[in-house]
PDB file of N, CA and C in Angstrom:
ATOM      1  N   MET A   1     -13.551   1.435   6.415  1.00  0.00           N
ATOM      2  CA  MET A   1     -13.845   2.316   5.298  1.00  0.00           C
ATOM      3  C   MET A   1     -13.414   1.618   4.014  1.00  0.00           C
ATOM      4  N   ASN A   2     -14.291   1.557   3.056  1.00  0.00           N
ATOM      5  CA  ASN A   2     -13.942   0.970   1.768  1.00  0.00           C
ATOM      6  C   ASN A   2     -13.683   2.089   0.753  1.00  0.00           C
ATOM      7  N   LYS A   3     -13.419   1.705  -0.488  1.00  0.00           N
ATOM      8  CA  LYS A   3     -13.062   2.681  -1.515  1.00  0.00           C
ATOM      9  C   LYS A   3     -14.189   3.693  -1.765  1.00  0.00           C
ATOM     10  N   ALA A   4     -15.437   3.227  -1.803  1.00  0.00           N
ATOM     11  CA  ALA A   4     -16.566   4.141  -2.034  1.00  0.00           C
ATOM     12  C   ALA A   4     -16.688   5.153  -0.896  1.00  0.00           C
ATOM     13  N   ASP A   5     -16.483   4.700   0.332  1.00  0.00           N
ATOM     14  CA  ASP A   5     -16.529   5.612   1.484  1.00  0.00           C
ATOM     15  C   ASP A   5     -15.412   6.647   1.391  1.00  0.00           C
ATOM     16  N   LEU A   6     -14.236   6.188   0.993  1.00  0.00           N
ATOM     17  CA  LEU A   6     -13.099   7.102   0.857  1.00  0.00           C
ATOM     18  C   LEU A   6     -13.360   8.141  -0.225  1.00  0.00           C
ATOM     19  N   VAL A   7     -13.922   7.727  -1.342  1.00  0.00           N
ATOM     20  CA  VAL A   7     -14.250   8.663  -2.431  1.00  0.00           C
ATOM     21  C   VAL A   7     -15.256   9.701  -1.935  1.00  0.00           C
ATOM     22  N   SER A   8     -16.268   9.272  -1.199  1.00  0.00           N
ATOM     23  CA  SER A   8     -17.265  10.207  -0.661  1.00  0.00           C
ATOM     24  C   SER A   8     -16.618  11.206   0.283  1.00  0.00           C
ATOM     25  N   LYS A   9     -15.737  10.720   1.150  1.00  0.00           N
ATOM     26  CA  LYS A   9     -15.055  11.592   2.117  1.00  0.00           C
ATOM     27  C   LYS A   9     -14.143  12.581   1.401  1.00  0.00           C
ATOM     28  N   MET A  10     -13.456  12.111   0.353  1.00  0.00           N
ATOM     29  CA  MET A  10     -12.589  13.002  -0.426  1.00  0.00           C
ATOM     30  C   MET A  10     -13.408  14.088  -1.106  1.00  0.00           C
ATOM     31  N   ALA A  11     -14.550  13.716  -1.672  1.00  0.00           N
ATOM     32  CA  ALA A  11     -15.412  14.688  -2.346  1.00  0.00           C
ATOM     33  C   ALA A  11     -15.909  15.737  -1.356  1.00  0.00           C
ATOM     34  N   GLU A  12     -16.287  15.286  -0.179  1.00  0.00           N
ATOM     35  CA  GLU A  12     -16.799  16.186   0.859  1.00  0.00           C
ATOM     36  C   GLU A  12     -15.727  17.183   1.303  1.00  0.00           C
ATOM     37  N   LYS A  13     -14.505  16.706   1.510  1.00  0.00           N
ATOM     38  CA  LYS A  13     -13.431  17.567   2.020  1.00  0.00           C
ATOM     39  C   LYS A  13     -12.827  18.471   0.957  1.00  0.00           C
ATOM     40  N   SER A  14     -12.839  18.033  -0.317  1.00  0.00           N
ATOM     41  CA  SER A  14     -12.169  18.804  -1.360  1.00  0.00           C
ATOM     42  C   SER A  14     -13.099  19.707  -2.158  1.00  0.00           C
ATOM     43  N   GLY A  15     -14.403  19.447  -2.100  1.00  0.00           N
ATOM     44  CA  GLY A  15     -15.332  20.225  -2.907  1.00  0.00           C
ATOM     45  C   GLY A  15     -15.445  19.696  -4.336  1.00  0.00           C
ATOM     46  N   LEU A  16     -14.785  18.590  -4.631  1.00  0.00           N
ATOM     47  CA  LEU A  16     -14.899  17.964  -5.941  1.00  0.00           C
ATOM     48  C   LEU A  16     -16.140  17.090  -5.979  1.00  0.00           C
ATOM     49  N   THR A  17     -16.543  16.717  -7.182  1.00  0.00           N
ATOM     50  CA  THR A  17     -17.655  15.774  -7.294  1.00  0.00           C
ATOM     51  C   THR A  17     -17.135  14.375  -6.951  1.00  0.00           C
ATOM     52  N   LYS A  18     -18.061  13.450  -6.730  1.00  0.00           N
ATOM     53  CA  LYS A  18     -17.644  12.080  -6.445  1.00  0.00           C
ATOM     54  C   LYS A  18     -16.908  11.481  -7.641  1.00  0.00           C
ATOM     55  N   LYS A  19     -17.347  11.804  -8.837  1.00  0.00           N
ATOM     56  CA  LYS A  19     -16.692  11.281 -10.039  1.00  0.00           C
ATOM     57  C   LYS A  19     -15.262  11.802 -10.131  1.00  0.00           C
ATOM     58  N   GLN A  20     -15.068  13.100  -9.879  1.00  0.00           N
ATOM     59  CA  GLN A  20     -13.728  13.676  -9.912  1.00  0.00           C
ATOM     60  C   GLN A  20     -12.848  13.072  -8.814  1.00  0.00           C
ATOM     61  N   SER A  21     -13.434  12.854  -7.652  1.00  0.00           N
ATOM     62  CA  SER A  21     -12.683  12.248  -6.547  1.00  0.00           C
ATOM     63  C   SER A  21     -12.291  10.817  -6.887  1.00  0.00           C
ATOM     64  N   GLN A  22     -13.200  10.090  -7.515  1.00  0.00           N
ATOM     65  CA  GLN A  22     -12.917   8.715  -7.945  1.00  0.00           C
ATOM     66  C   GLN A  22     -11.759   8.701  -8.934  1.00  0.00           C
ATOM     67  N   GLU A  23     -11.791   9.626  -9.907  1.00  0.00           N
ATOM     68  CA  GLU A  23     -10.724   9.708 -10.897  1.00  0.00           C
ATOM     69  C   GLU A  23      -9.395  10.076 -10.246  1.00  0.00           C
ATOM     70  N   ALA A  24      -9.419  10.989  -9.279  1.00  0.00           N
ATOM     71  CA  ALA A  24      -8.197  11.388  -8.579  1.00  0.00           C
ATOM     72  C   ALA A  24      -7.619  10.216  -7.788  1.00  0.00           C
ATOM     73  N   LEU A  25      -8.472   9.484  -7.091  1.00  0.00           N
ATOM     74  CA  LEU A  25      -8.015   8.333  -6.312  1.00  0.00           C
ATOM     75  C   LEU A  25      -7.458   7.247  -7.226  1.00  0.00           C
ATOM     76  N   ASP A  26      -8.141   6.976  -8.333  1.00  0.00           N
ATOM     77  CA  ASP A  26      -7.661   5.976  -9.291  1.00  0.00           C
ATOM     78  C   ASP A  26      -6.302   6.385  -9.870  1.00  0.00           C
ATOM     79  N   ALA A  27      -6.150   7.673 -10.184  1.00  0.00           N
ATOM     80  CA  ALA A  27      -4.881   8.168 -10.730  1.00  0.00           C
ATOM     81  C   ALA A  27      -3.768   8.037  -9.695  1.00  0.00           C
ATOM     82  N   PHE A  28      -4.073   8.333  -8.431  1.00  0.00           N
ATOM     83  CA  PHE A  28      -3.094   8.205  -7.353  1.00  0.00           C
ATOM     84  C   PHE A  28      -2.649   6.751  -7.215  1.00  0.00           C
ATOM     85  N   MET A  29      -3.622   5.834  -7.162  1.00  0.00           N
ATOM     86  CA  MET A  29      -3.297   4.422  -6.992  1.00  0.00           C
ATOM     87  C   MET A  29      -2.501   3.890  -8.184  1.00  0.00           C
ATOM     88  N   ALA A  30      -2.855   4.296  -9.395  1.00  0.00           N
ATOM     89  CA  ALA A  30      -2.126   3.861 -10.588  1.00  0.00           C
ATOM     90  C   ALA A  30      -0.694   4.394 -10.573  1.00  0.00           C
ATOM     91  N   SER A  31      -0.523   5.625 -10.134  1.00  0.00           N
ATOM     92  CA  SER A  31       0.808   6.226 -10.066  1.00  0.00           C
ATOM     93  C   SER A  31       1.681   5.508  -9.042  1.00  0.00           C
ATOM     94  N   VAL A  32       1.109   5.177  -7.902  1.00  0.00           N
ATOM     95  CA  VAL A  32       1.845   4.443  -6.869  1.00  0.00           C
ATOM     96  C   VAL A  32       2.235   3.060  -7.398  1.00  0.00           C
ATOM     97  N   GLU A  33       1.289   2.379  -8.031  1.00  0.00           N
ATOM     98  CA  GLU A  33       1.575   1.050  -8.588  1.00  0.00           C
ATOM     99  C   GLU A  33       2.714   1.109  -9.604  1.00  0.00           C
ATOM    100  N   GLU A  34       2.662   2.068 -10.528  1.00  0.00           N
ATOM    101  CA  GLU A  34       3.700   2.200 -11.553  1.00  0.00           C
ATOM    102  C   GLU A  34       5.061   2.434 -10.925  1.00  0.00           C
ATOM    103  N   ALA A  35       5.119   3.329  -9.942  1.00  0.00           N
ATOM    104  CA  ALA A  35       6.389   3.643  -9.292  1.00  0.00           C
ATOM    105  C   ALA A  35       6.945   2.421  -8.564  1.00  0.00           C
ATOM    106  N   LEU A  36       6.096   1.681  -7.877  1.00  0.00           N
ATOM    107  CA  LEU A  36       6.560   0.494  -7.151  1.00  0.00           C
ATOM    108  C   LEU A  36       7.027  -0.597  -8.105  1.00  0.00           C
ATOM    109  N   VAL A  37       6.336  -0.759  -9.221  1.00  0.00           N
ATOM    110  CA  VAL A  37       6.744  -1.752 -10.222  1.00  0.00           C
ATOM    111  C   VAL A  37       8.138  -1.407 -10.756  1.00  0.00           C
ATOM    112  N   GLN A  38       8.425  -0.117 -10.906  1.00  0.00           N
ATOM    113  CA  GLN A  38       9.727   0.329 -11.408  1.00  0.00           C
ATOM    114  C   GLN A  38      10.790   0.363 -10.314  1.00  0.00           C
ATOM    115  N   GLY A  39      10.420  -0.002  -9.084  1.00  0.00           N
ATOM    116  CA  GLY A  39      11.381  -0.040  -7.988  1.00  0.00           C
ATOM    117  C   GLY A  39      11.619   1.300  -7.325  1.00  0.00           C
ATOM    118  N   GLU A  40      10.768   2.271  -7.597  1.00  0.00           N
ATOM    119  CA  GLU A  40      10.924   3.596  -6.999  1.00  0.00           C
ATOM    120  C   GLU A  40      10.315   3.637  -5.603  1.00  0.00           C
ATOM    121  N   LYS A  41      10.724   4.639  -4.847  1.00  0.00           N
ATOM    122  CA  LYS A  41      10.230   4.863  -3.496  1.00  0.00           C
ATOM    123  C   LYS A  41       9.423   6.159  -3.512  1.00  0.00           C
ATOM    124  N   ILE A  42       8.247   6.164  -2.895  1.00  0.00           N
ATOM    125  CA  ILE A  42       7.395   7.350  -2.867  1.00  0.00           C
ATOM    126  C   ILE A  42       7.328   7.859  -1.443  1.00  0.00           C
ATOM    127  N   GLN A  43       7.795   9.088  -1.224  1.00  0.00           N
ATOM    128  CA  GLN A  43       7.781   9.679   0.108  1.00  0.00           C
ATOM    129  C   GLN A  43       6.793  10.835   0.139  1.00  0.00           C
ATOM    130  N   LEU A  44       5.818  10.741   1.012  1.00  0.00           N
ATOM    131  CA  LEU A  44       4.861  11.815   1.239  1.00  0.00           C
ATOM    132  C   LEU A  44       5.126  12.325   2.657  1.00  0.00           C
ATOM    133  N   VAL A  45       5.866  13.423   2.750  1.00  0.00           N
ATOM    134  CA  VAL A  45       6.314  13.942   4.033  1.00  0.00           C
ATOM    135  C   VAL A  45       5.121  14.178   4.960  1.00  0.00           C
ATOM    136  N   GLY A  46       5.216  13.662   6.172  1.00  0.00           N
ATOM    137  CA  GLY A  46       4.149  13.802   7.154  1.00  0.00           C
ATOM    138  C   GLY A  46       3.100  12.708   7.064  1.00  0.00           C
ATOM    139  N   PHE A  47       3.074  11.975   5.954  1.00  0.00           N
ATOM    140  CA  PHE A  47       2.089  10.906   5.783  1.00  0.00           C
ATOM    141  C   PHE A  47       2.751   9.539   5.833  1.00  0.00           C
ATOM    142  N   GLY A  48       3.698   9.304   4.929  1.00  0.00           N
ATOM    143  CA  GLY A  48       4.383   8.022   4.944  1.00  0.00           C
ATOM    144  C   GLY A  48       5.132   7.743   3.659  1.00  0.00           C
ATOM    145  N   THR A  49       5.675   6.531   3.594  1.00  0.00           N
ATOM    146  CA  THR A  49       6.503   6.116   2.470  1.00  0.00           C
ATOM    147  C   THR A  49       6.007   4.791   1.913  1.00  0.00           C
ATOM    148  N   PHE A  50       5.876   4.727   0.601  1.00  0.00           N
ATOM    149  CA  PHE A  50       5.567   3.488  -0.103  1.00  0.00           C
ATOM    150  C   PHE A  50       6.863   3.007  -0.741  1.00  0.00           C
ATOM    151  N   GLU A  51       7.185   1.726  -0.584  1.00  0.00           N
ATOM    152  CA  GLU A  51       8.374   1.169  -1.212  1.00  0.00           C
ATOM    153  C   GLU A  51       8.203  -0.339  -1.357  1.00  0.00           C
ATOM    154  N   THR A  52       9.157  -0.966  -2.048  1.00  0.00           N
ATOM    155  CA  THR A  52       9.151  -2.418  -2.154  1.00  0.00           C
ATOM    156  C   THR A  52      10.342  -2.961  -1.382  1.00  0.00           C
ATOM    157  N   ARG A  53      10.165  -4.144  -0.831  1.00  0.00           N
ATOM    158  CA  ARG A  53      11.250  -4.812  -0.121  1.00  0.00           C
ATOM    159  C   ARG A  53      11.416  -6.207  -0.698  1.00  0.00           C
ATOM    160  N   GLU A  54      12.659  -6.620  -0.763  1.00  0.00           N
ATOM    161  CA  GLU A  54      12.982  -7.944  -1.277  1.00  0.00           C
ATOM    162  C   GLU A  54      12.751  -8.982  -0.188  1.00  0.00           C
ATOM    163  N   ARG A  55      12.115 -10.071  -0.557  1.00  0.00           N
ATOM    164  CA  ARG A  55      11.957 -11.212   0.339  1.00  0.00           C
ATOM    165  C   ARG A  55      12.819 -12.337  -0.213  1.00  0.00           C
ATOM    166  N   ALA A  56      13.686 -12.881   0.617  1.00  0.00           N
ATOM    167  CA  ALA A  56      14.584 -13.941   0.189  1.00  0.00           C
ATOM    168  C   ALA A  56      13.813 -15.252   0.021  1.00  0.00           C
ATOM    169  N   GLU A  57      14.398 -16.149  -0.757  1.00  0.00           N
ATOM    170  CA  GLU A  57      13.806 -17.482  -0.889  1.00  0.00           C
ATOM    171  C   GLU A  57      13.893 -18.161   0.476  1.00  0.00           C
ATOM    172  N   ARG A  58      12.873 -18.915   0.814  1.00  0.00           N
ATOM    173  CA  ARG A  58      12.870 -19.586   2.116  1.00  0.00           C
ATOM    174  C   ARG A  58      12.111 -20.896   2.029  1.00  0.00           C
ATOM    175  N   GLU A  59      12.249 -21.674   3.081  1.00  0.00           N
ATOM    176  CA  GLU A  59      11.533 -22.935   3.147  1.00  0.00           C
ATOM    177  C   GLU A  59      10.279 -22.771   3.975  1.00  0.00           C
ATOM    178  N   GLY A  60       9.241 -23.482   3.603  1.00  0.00           N
ATOM    179  CA  GLY A  60       7.990 -23.452   4.343  1.00  0.00           C
ATOM    180  C   GLY A  60       7.467 -24.868   4.483  1.00  0.00           C
ATOM    181  N   ARG A  61       6.431 -25.006   5.272  1.00  0.00           N
ATOM    182  CA  ARG A  61       5.826 -26.317   5.478  1.00  0.00           C
ATOM    183  C   ARG A  61       4.350 -26.256   5.121  1.00  0.00           C
ATOM    184  N   ASN A  62       3.878 -27.304   4.507  1.00  0.00           N
ATOM    185  CA  ASN A  62       2.471 -27.433   4.164  1.00  0.00           C
ATOM    186  C   ASN A  62       1.711 -27.791   5.447  1.00  0.00           C
ATOM    187  N   PRO A  63       0.730 -26.996   5.872  1.00  0.00           N
ATOM    188  CA  PRO A  63       0.014 -27.292   7.112  1.00  0.00           C
ATOM    189  C   PRO A  63      -0.708 -28.639   7.097  1.00  0.00           C
ATOM    190  N   ARG A  64      -1.081 -29.114   5.920  1.00  0.00           N
ATOM    191  CA  ARG A  64      -1.778 -30.401   5.832  1.00  0.00           C
ATOM    192  C   ARG A  64      -0.819 -31.577   5.992  1.00  0.00           C
ATOM    193  N   ASN A  65       0.421 -31.356   5.607  1.00  0.00           N
ATOM    194  CA  ASN A  65       1.418 -32.415   5.705  1.00  0.00           C
ATOM    195  C   ASN A  65       2.705 -31.780   6.240  1.00  0.00           C
ATOM    196  N   PRO A  66       2.841 -31.625   7.563  1.00  0.00           N
ATOM    197  CA  PRO A  66       3.968 -30.886   8.155  1.00  0.00           C
ATOM    198  C   PRO A  66       5.345 -31.418   7.784  1.00  0.00           C
ATOM    199  N   GLU A  67       5.460 -32.687   7.412  1.00  0.00           N
ATOM    200  CA  GLU A  67       6.772 -33.224   7.059  1.00  0.00           C
ATOM    201  C   GLU A  67       7.255 -32.697   5.713  1.00  0.00           C
ATOM    202  N   GLN A  68       6.317 -32.324   4.858  1.00  0.00           N
ATOM    203  CA  GLN A  68       6.660 -31.894   3.509  1.00  0.00           C
ATOM    204  C   GLN A  68       7.179 -30.454   3.521  1.00  0.00           C
ATOM    205  N   VAL A  69       8.418 -30.281   3.095  1.00  0.00           N
ATOM    206  CA  VAL A  69       9.040 -28.954   3.024  1.00  0.00           C
ATOM    207  C   VAL A  69       8.887 -28.444   1.594  1.00  0.00           C
ATOM    208  N   ILE A  70       8.436 -27.193   1.477  1.00  0.00           N
ATOM    209  CA  ILE A  70       8.301 -26.581   0.156  1.00  0.00           C
ATOM    210  C   ILE A  70       9.196 -25.352   0.083  1.00  0.00           C
ATOM    211  N   LYS A  71       9.647 -25.035  -1.114  1.00  0.00           N
ATOM    212  CA  LYS A  71      10.460 -23.835  -1.309  1.00  0.00           C
ATOM    213  C   LYS A  71       9.542 -22.686  -1.698  1.00  0.00           C
ATOM    214  N   ILE A  72       9.667 -21.594  -0.975  1.00  0.00           N
ATOM    215  CA  ILE A  72       8.909 -20.378  -1.289  1.00  0.00           C
ATOM    216  C   ILE A  72       9.885 -19.472  -2.035  1.00  0.00           C
ATOM    217  N   PRO A  73       9.591 -19.132  -3.290  1.00  0.00           N
ATOM    218  CA  PRO A  73      10.541 -18.354  -4.089  1.00  0.00           C
ATOM    219  C   PRO A  73      10.708 -16.919  -3.572  1.00  0.00           C
ATOM    220  N   ALA A  74      11.834 -16.324  -3.933  1.00  0.00           N
ATOM    221  CA  ALA A  74      12.093 -14.923  -3.597  1.00  0.00           C
ATOM    222  C   ALA A  74      11.047 -14.051  -4.279  1.00  0.00           C
ATOM    223  N   SER A  75      10.698 -12.941  -3.650  1.00  0.00           N
ATOM    224  CA  SER A  75       9.703 -12.043  -4.228  1.00  0.00           C
ATOM    225  C   SER A  75       9.919 -10.623  -3.721  1.00  0.00           C
ATOM    226  N   LYS A  76       9.174  -9.709  -4.296  1.00  0.00           N
ATOM    227  CA  LYS A  76       9.162  -8.322  -3.839  1.00  0.00           C
ATOM    228  C   LYS A  76       7.818  -8.081  -3.172  1.00  0.00           C
ATOM    229  N   ALA A  77       7.819  -7.336  -2.069  1.00  0.00           N
ATOM    230  CA  ALA A  77       6.580  -7.049  -1.355  1.00  0.00           C
ATOM    231  C   ALA A  77       6.409  -5.540  -1.228  1.00  0.00           C
ATOM    232  N   PRO A  78       5.225  -5.010  -1.589  1.00  0.00           N
ATOM    233  CA  PRO A  78       4.986  -3.581  -1.374  1.00  0.00           C
ATOM    234  C   PRO A  78       4.803  -3.318   0.119  1.00  0.00           C
ATOM    235  N   VAL A  79       5.372  -2.206   0.587  1.00  0.00           N
ATOM    236  CA  VAL A  79       5.345  -1.875   2.013  1.00  0.00           C
ATOM    237  C   VAL A  79       4.975  -0.404   2.176  1.00  0.00           C
ATOM    238  N   PHE A  80       4.183  -0.114   3.207  1.00  0.00           N
ATOM    239  CA  PHE A  80       3.891   1.274   3.570  1.00  0.00           C
ATOM    240  C   PHE A  80       4.403   1.497   4.976  1.00  0.00           C
ATOM    241  N   LYS A  81       5.182   2.542   5.160  1.00  0.00           N
ATOM    242  CA  LYS A  81       5.678   2.906   6.482  1.00  0.00           C
ATOM    243  C   LYS A  81       5.110   4.274   6.827  1.00  0.00           C
ATOM    244  N   ALA A  82       4.339   4.340   7.895  1.00  0.00           N
ATOM    245  CA  ALA A  82       3.699   5.595   8.296  1.00  0.00           C
ATOM    246  C   ALA A  82       4.738   6.621   8.726  1.00  0.00           C
ATOM    247  N   GLY A  83       4.498   7.874   8.365  1.00  0.00           N
ATOM    248  CA  GLY A  83       5.379   8.962   8.759  1.00  0.00           C
ATOM    249  C   GLY A  83       5.045   9.469  10.150  1.00  0.00           C
ATOM    250  N   LYS A  84       5.910  10.311  10.692  1.00  0.00           N
ATOM    251  CA  LYS A  84       5.746  10.820  12.050  1.00  0.00           C
ATOM    252  C   LYS A  84       4.435  11.579  12.224  1.00  0.00           C
ATOM    253  N   GLY A  85       4.074  12.409  11.266  1.00  0.00           N
ATOM    254  CA  GLY A  85       2.838  13.188  11.373  1.00  0.00           C
ATOM    255  C   GLY A  85       1.611  12.295  11.477  1.00  0.00           C
ATOM    256  N   LEU A  86       1.553  11.258  10.658  1.00  0.00           N
ATOM    257  CA  LEU A  86       0.427  10.318  10.686  1.00  0.00           C
ATOM    258  C   LEU A  86       0.409   9.539  11.994  1.00  0.00           C
ATOM    259  N   LYS A  87       1.574   9.077  12.441  1.00  0.00           N
ATOM    260  CA  LYS A  87       1.652   8.346  13.701  1.00  0.00           C
ATOM    261  C   LYS A  87       1.180   9.212  14.869  1.00  0.00           C
ATOM    262  N   ASP A  88       1.594  10.458  14.881  1.00  0.00           N
ATOM    263  CA  ASP A  88       1.206  11.365  15.968  1.00  0.00           C
ATOM    264  C   ASP A  88      -0.310  11.581  16.000  1.00  0.00           C
ATOM    265  N   LYS A  89      -0.934  11.741  14.826  1.00  0.00           N
ATOM    266  CA  LYS A  89      -2.391  11.948  14.777  1.00  0.00           C
ATOM    267  C   LYS A  89      -3.150  10.696  15.207  1.00  0.00           C
ATOM    268  N   VAL A  90      -2.655   9.523  14.818  1.00  0.00           N
ATOM    269  CA  VAL A  90      -3.313   8.281  15.189  1.00  0.00           C
ATOM    270  C   VAL A  90      -3.199   8.039  16.694  1.00  0.00           C
ATOM    271  N   ASN A  91      -2.082   8.400  17.271  1.00  0.00           N
ATOM    272  CA  ASN A  91      -1.846   8.150  18.692  1.00  0.00           C
ATOM    273  C   ASN A  91      -2.327   9.282  19.606  1.00  0.00           C
ATOM    274  N   ALA A  92      -2.854  10.358  19.030  1.00  0.00           N
ATOM    275  CA  ALA A  92      -3.301  11.492  19.861  1.00  0.00           C
ATOM    276  C   ALA A  92      -4.621  11.181  20.552  1.00  0.00           C
TER     277      ALA A  92
END
């Protein structure tokens, strides 16, 4: 399912127009992005949690030249952890 399919499905289930559903989805995604950039955690009970996790600096190897060691800098990674309700529905 891509974004257009999701917008269509949202419009169908909510009774909103596709344009309104598109705006709602865009607003949701922008809100999640802003919160993650600020280091906040978003918990949607029954669905899941969006958060960022710190990745430590580490060494890696270039696949073209395995002897060459490169440093991969520390970074933050966005993570989604599914909630119990979502896991139960997927596994049912």
